[in-house]
Amino acid sequence: MTNFRIIASGKWLLFIIAAFACGTVNYFSYSPAYNDIPPQTGQYLSCNTPLSGNADRFSVYLTDSRIAQLATEKICNNTVIKRQYGEVRVIIGQSDYDTFRYINHGVVDLALVKKNVVDAFAADEIYGLTPVASHPDYGAYFISLREKPKLEKEYLLGKTIGLLDYPSSRSGHIVPKTVLQRLSLSDNNVDIAYYSSHQELRRALLAGEVDIISSYWAKDDESRLSKNYITPLMLQVSGMQWYLKMQSQNTDLFCAMQTVIHDIAMAHPRPYYKNIELEEGCP
């Protein structure tokens, strides 16, 4: 009788172990596989130079994807970069958080940003970010499709206004928000729609999604919008500037980046970026 109980208990134990093993195999066989969630800040383009044994990386921060593609191609093929660095990484910023991350922490060697961003973080003094080239200042405007916008509270009430969702954008966010505040208008009594780029603002205006947008005025706007229907908010907004980290007197790199930046400007389809002024110091 005792032997029977021992044998029976052993069978139950084997049954439980077998059931647990089958359940475990079944769970891992049919459970969904989840990939790692990609980082939500910044996109990257990169390349390795022939000096693959060199551990130094040349990092670039931009917010325009077209410039990022041009920069990756031209910087990776630059002879000075090939001689001094083993890798090039171009970071495409997606938000103000990205700009804060990369400029305030001084982790990039070359950046295309507004001067007020560098000044705000004192990145020129702390990290040696030095102007290499600059694009011109520009104006900020309210732009409409069928009439000239008025800077009057009564006129703007009931209008849908398109702005950029970048709080650091002067023409697309800071300047129009300041004007609205001066007129005692805000998100509470004006319908504001936010978009991710100046191109998206123009698309929304042409599609009738908004009545007015706040942006700069470019030469190519004349083919689809009327200059009679723009109202200046601020006639001189600081333009984009290229900065290079110069913690040493690396003049070869400084001049090489000026050549690269000039080539990028000439290859960019937008007239604004073709207008470039290089800082003195190179032949």
Protein backbone atom coordinates (compact mmCIF):
# COMPACT_ATOMS: atom_id res chain seq x y z
CA MET A 1 0.00 0.00 0.00
CA THR A 2 2.82 2.30 0.88
CA ASN A 3 4.62 1.51 -2.40
CA PHE A 4 1.46 2.33 -4.35
CA ARG A 5 1.18 5.76 -2.71
CA ILE A 6 4.81 6.55 -3.47
CA ILE A 7 4.39 5.51 -7.11
CA ALA A 8 1.13 7.50 -7.42
CA SER A 9 2.72 10.63 -5.89
CA GLY A 10 5.65 10.32 -8.32
CA LYS A 11 3.28 10.14 -11.28
CA TRP A 12 1.44 13.27 -10.15
CA LEU A 13 4.74 15.10 -9.73
CA LEU A 14 5.83 14.11 -13.25
CA PHE A 15 2.44 15.22 -14.58
CA ILE A 16 2.73 18.65 -12.93
CA ILE A 17 6.29 19.17 -14.26
CA ALA A 18 5.25 18.13 -17.78
CA ALA A 19 2.21 20.46 -17.71
CA PHE A 20 4.33 23.41 -16.53
CA ALA A 21 6.93 22.75 -19.26
CA CYS A 22 4.26 22.55 -21.98
CA GLY A 23 2.63 25.75 -20.76
CA THR A 24 5.94 27.58 -20.75
CA VAL A 25 6.81 26.45 -24.30
CA ASN A 26 3.32 27.38 -25.50
CA TYR A 27 3.53 30.86 -23.94
CA PHE A 28 6.85 31.74 -25.55
CA SER A 29 5.77 30.23 -28.87
CA TYR A 30 2.66 32.38 -29.21
CA SER A 31 3.43 35.47 -27.18
CA PRO A 32 4.01 38.54 -29.38
CA ALA A 33 7.57 39.80 -29.83
CA TYR A 34 8.05 43.49 -29.07
CA ASN A 35 10.89 45.38 -30.71
CA ASP A 36 12.80 48.02 -28.81
CA ILE A 37 11.05 51.38 -28.94
CA PRO A 38 13.20 53.78 -30.98
CA PRO A 39 14.30 57.02 -29.32
CA GLN A 40 11.74 59.79 -29.75
CA THR A 41 14.25 62.64 -29.85
CA GLY A 42 16.40 63.18 -32.90
CA GLN A 43 17.10 61.16 -36.01
CA TYR A 44 20.58 60.22 -37.13
CA LEU A 45 22.60 59.95 -40.31
CA SER A 46 26.14 58.65 -40.04
CA CYS A 47 29.17 57.36 -41.91
CA ASN A 48 32.61 56.00 -41.13
CA THR A 49 35.72 57.61 -42.60
CA PRO A 50 38.73 55.63 -43.88
CA LEU A 51 40.41 56.23 -40.51
CA SER A 52 38.29 53.49 -38.96
CA GLY A 53 40.75 53.08 -36.10
CA ASN A 54 40.14 56.68 -34.99
CA ALA A 55 37.63 56.74 -32.13
CA ASP A 56 36.85 60.46 -32.47
CA ARG A 57 33.38 61.32 -33.78
CA PHE A 58 32.41 64.56 -35.52
CA SER A 59 28.84 65.41 -34.50
CA VAL A 60 26.54 67.81 -36.34
CA TYR A 61 23.17 69.19 -35.17
CA LEU A 62 20.54 70.39 -37.67
CA THR A 63 16.77 70.70 -37.84
CA ASP A 64 16.33 70.59 -41.64
CA SER A 65 16.30 67.08 -43.15
CA ARG A 66 17.42 68.30 -46.60
CA ILE A 67 20.44 70.08 -45.12
CA ALA A 68 21.17 66.97 -43.05
CA GLN A 69 21.37 64.81 -46.17
CA LEU A 70 23.65 67.31 -47.93
CA ALA A 71 25.80 67.72 -44.82
CA THR A 72 26.26 63.96 -44.38
CA GLU A 73 27.40 63.54 -47.97
CA LYS A 74 29.75 66.52 -48.07
CA ILE A 75 31.23 66.26 -44.57
CA CYS A 76 31.90 62.53 -44.94
CA ASN A 77 33.83 63.20 -48.15
CA ASN A 78 35.86 66.09 -46.77
CA THR A 79 39.60 65.38 -46.64
CA VAL A 80 40.17 67.22 -43.33
CA ILE A 81 37.35 65.26 -41.66
CA LYS A 82 38.79 62.00 -43.02
CA ARG A 83 42.15 62.92 -41.56
CA GLN A 84 40.92 63.98 -38.10
CA TYR A 85 37.87 61.80 -37.35
CA GLY A 86 36.79 58.19 -37.64
CA GLU A 87 33.02 58.76 -37.74
CA VAL A 88 30.54 61.49 -38.69
CA ARG A 89 27.10 61.64 -37.09
CA VAL A 90 24.46 64.14 -38.26
CA ILE A 91 21.61 64.62 -35.79
CA ILE A 92 18.27 65.88 -37.14
CA GLY A 93 16.51 67.64 -34.28
CA GLN A 94 12.75 67.20 -33.97
CA SER A 95 11.89 69.61 -31.15
CA ASP A 96 13.13 72.30 -28.80
CA TYR A 97 14.03 69.55 -26.35
CA ASP A 98 16.52 68.22 -28.90
CA THR A 99 18.05 71.67 -29.36
CA PHE A 100 18.36 72.08 -25.59
CA ARG A 101 19.90 68.63 -25.27
CA TYR A 102 22.59 69.06 -27.89
CA ILE A 103 23.43 72.76 -27.65
CA ASN A 104 23.14 73.28 -23.90
CA HIS A 105 25.20 70.16 -23.17
CA GLY A 106 27.85 71.00 -25.75
CA VAL A 107 27.91 67.56 -27.36
CA VAL A 108 28.06 68.65 -31.00
CA ASP A 109 30.95 70.01 -33.04
CA LEU A 110 28.93 71.80 -35.74
CA ALA A 111 25.41 73.23 -35.47
CA LEU A 112 22.95 75.27 -37.53
CA VAL A 113 20.80 77.18 -35.04
CA LYS A 114 19.58 80.67 -34.20
CA LYS A 115 21.97 83.04 -32.46
CA ASN A 116 19.50 83.54 -29.62
CA VAL A 117 19.72 79.80 -28.84
CA VAL A 118 23.52 79.92 -28.48
CA ASP A 119 23.28 83.13 -26.45
CA ALA A 120 20.61 81.67 -24.15
CA PHE A 121 22.80 78.70 -23.23
CA ALA A 122 26.08 80.72 -23.29
CA ALA A 123 27.35 77.91 -25.52
CA ASP A 124 29.84 80.25 -27.19
CA GLU A 125 31.57 80.97 -23.87
CA ILE A 126 31.27 77.51 -22.29
CA TYR A 127 31.93 75.25 -25.28
CA GLY A 128 33.65 77.61 -27.71
CA LEU A 129 30.87 77.54 -30.33
CA THR A 130 32.24 80.00 -32.89
CA PRO A 131 30.31 81.52 -35.84
CA VAL A 132 31.45 80.05 -39.16
CA ALA A 133 28.76 81.35 -41.52
CA SER A 134 25.34 82.94 -41.36
CA HIS A 135 22.16 83.19 -43.37
CA PRO A 136 20.45 86.58 -43.60
CA ASP A 137 17.95 88.08 -41.19
CA TYR A 138 14.34 88.01 -42.34
CA GLY A 139 10.90 89.37 -41.50
CA ALA A 140 7.99 87.78 -39.66
CA TYR A 141 4.54 88.19 -41.22
CA PHE A 142 0.90 87.30 -40.88
CA ILE A 143 0.05 85.78 -44.26
CA SER A 144 -3.47 85.30 -45.58
CA LEU A 145 -4.93 83.89 -48.78
CA ARG A 146 -7.58 86.42 -49.82
CA GLU A 147 -7.13 89.62 -47.78
CA LYS A 148 -4.49 91.60 -45.90
CA PRO A 149 -4.59 90.64 -42.20
CA LYS A 150 -5.23 93.42 -39.69
CA LEU A 151 -3.43 93.64 -36.36
CA GLU A 152 -6.67 94.37 -34.53
CA LYS A 153 -8.33 92.37 -31.79
CA GLU A 154 -11.78 92.57 -33.36
CA TYR A 155 -10.44 91.38 -36.72
CA LEU A 156 -8.50 88.41 -35.33
CA LEU A 157 -11.30 87.17 -33.05
CA GLY A 158 -12.90 84.16 -34.70
CA LYS A 159 -9.96 83.58 -37.06
CA THR A 160 -7.95 80.35 -37.11
CA ILE A 161 -4.25 81.17 -36.96
CA GLY A 162 -1.54 78.69 -37.89
CA LEU A 163 1.66 78.75 -35.83
CA LEU A 164 4.67 76.46 -35.43
CA ASP A 165 4.80 74.08 -32.49
CA TYR A 166 8.48 75.06 -32.00
CA PRO A 167 8.52 77.56 -29.08
CA SER A 168 12.00 78.71 -30.18
CA SER A 169 10.87 79.70 -33.70
CA ARG A 170 10.86 83.48 -33.98
CA SER A 171 8.66 84.03 -37.05
CA GLY A 172 6.42 81.01 -36.47
CA HIS A 173 5.89 81.19 -32.71
CA ILE A 174 7.59 83.82 -30.54
CA VAL A 175 6.80 86.95 -32.60
CA PRO A 176 3.13 86.12 -33.36
CA LYS A 177 2.50 85.04 -29.74
CA THR A 178 3.94 88.39 -28.59
CA VAL A 179 1.69 90.29 -31.00
CA LEU A 180 -1.38 88.36 -29.88
CA GLN A 181 -0.52 88.96 -26.23
CA ARG A 182 -0.18 92.68 -26.91
CA LEU A 183 -3.71 92.61 -28.37
CA SER A 184 -5.00 90.71 -25.28
CA LEU A 185 -5.49 87.57 -27.36
CA SER A 186 -4.44 84.03 -26.49
CA ASP A 187 -5.36 80.38 -27.02
CA ASN A 188 -8.45 81.05 -24.88
CA ASN A 189 -10.12 83.44 -27.33
CA VAL A 190 -8.37 82.70 -30.64
CA ASP A 191 -8.36 79.39 -32.47
CA ILE A 192 -4.67 78.50 -32.89
CA ALA A 193 -3.57 75.47 -34.91
CA TYR A 194 0.00 74.21 -34.56
CA TYR A 195 2.10 72.71 -37.35
CA SER A 196 5.55 71.14 -37.53
CA SER A 197 7.18 73.25 -40.29
CA HIS A 198 6.84 76.40 -42.39
CA GLN A 199 6.00 74.18 -45.37
CA GLU A 200 3.14 72.63 -43.39
CA LEU A 201 1.88 76.12 -42.52
CA ARG A 202 1.70 77.02 -46.22
CA ARG A 203 -0.02 73.76 -47.07
CA ALA A 204 -2.63 74.40 -44.35
CA LEU A 205 -3.27 77.95 -45.60
CA LEU A 206 -3.68 76.85 -49.21
CA ALA A 207 -5.94 73.97 -48.11
CA GLY A 208 -8.21 76.32 -46.14
CA GLU A 209 -7.45 74.73 -42.76
CA VAL A 210 -6.45 78.13 -41.33
CA ASP A 211 -7.25 81.76 -42.12
CA ILE A 212 -3.81 83.17 -41.32
CA ILE A 213 -0.33 81.81 -40.79
CA SER A 214 2.70 83.40 -39.19
CA SER A 215 5.92 82.85 -41.12
CA TYR A 216 8.68 84.48 -43.15
CA TRP A 217 8.15 85.62 -46.75
CA ALA A 218 10.29 83.88 -49.37
CA LYS A 219 10.86 84.65 -53.04
CA ASP A 220 9.18 81.44 -54.16
CA ASP A 221 6.02 82.32 -52.18
CA GLU A 222 5.10 84.79 -54.92
CA SER A 223 4.14 81.92 -57.24
CA ARG A 224 1.30 80.76 -54.96
CA LEU A 225 0.57 83.59 -52.50
CA SER A 226 0.05 87.34 -52.87
CA LYS A 227 2.42 89.84 -51.32
CA ASN A 228 -0.58 92.18 -51.01
CA TYR A 229 -1.97 89.86 -48.35
CA ILE A 230 0.91 89.89 -45.87
CA THR A 231 1.20 92.06 -42.76
CA PRO A 232 4.60 92.59 -41.10
CA LEU A 233 4.92 91.62 -37.44
CA MET A 234 8.68 92.21 -37.15
CA LEU A 235 10.86 93.27 -40.05
CA GLN A 236 14.18 91.96 -38.73
CA VAL A 237 14.40 88.49 -37.19
CA SER A 238 17.85 86.98 -36.68
CA GLY A 239 18.70 84.35 -39.28
CA MET A 240 20.16 80.87 -38.93
CA GLN A 241 23.88 80.64 -38.14
CA TRP A 242 26.46 77.88 -38.39
CA TYR A 243 28.61 77.36 -35.29
CA LEU A 244 31.74 75.23 -34.92
CA LYS A 245 33.17 74.10 -31.58
CA MET A 246 36.61 75.71 -31.45
CA GLN A 247 38.15 74.65 -28.15
CA SER A 248 41.50 74.48 -29.99
CA GLN A 249 42.90 76.52 -32.88
CA ASN A 250 41.93 73.94 -35.48
CA THR A 251 42.01 76.31 -38.45
CA ASP A 252 42.10 73.46 -40.99
CA LEU A 253 38.77 72.25 -39.68
CA PHE A 254 37.33 75.78 -39.56
CA CYS A 255 38.16 76.44 -43.20
CA ALA A 256 37.08 72.97 -44.29
CA MET A 257 33.65 73.49 -42.69
CA GLN A 258 33.29 76.85 -44.40
CA THR A 259 33.83 75.12 -47.74
CA VAL A 260 31.31 72.42 -46.85
CA ILE A 261 28.73 74.96 -45.66
CA HIS A 262 29.09 77.01 -48.83
CA ASP A 263 28.60 73.87 -50.95
CA ILE A 264 25.51 72.93 -48.92
CA ALA A 265 24.06 76.41 -49.39
CA MET A 266 24.57 76.33 -53.14
CA ALA A 267 22.99 72.86 -53.41
CA HIS A 268 19.92 73.64 -51.26
CA PRO A 269 16.71 74.24 -53.28
CA ARG A 270 15.44 77.09 -51.07
CA PRO A 271 16.69 80.60 -51.99
CA TYR A 272 17.01 81.56 -48.31
CA TYR A 273 19.74 79.00 -47.69
CA LYS A 274 21.60 79.93 -50.88
CA ASN A 275 22.21 83.36 -49.36
CA ILE A 276 25.22 82.69 -47.13
CA GLU A 277 27.88 84.92 -45.59
CA LEU A 278 31.15 83.32 -44.44
CA GLU A 279 33.08 84.62 -41.46
CA GLU A 280 36.59 85.96 -42.02
CA GLY A 281 39.68 83.88 -41.31
CA CYS A 282 40.09 81.66 -44.37
CA PRO A 283 41.59 82.35 -47.81
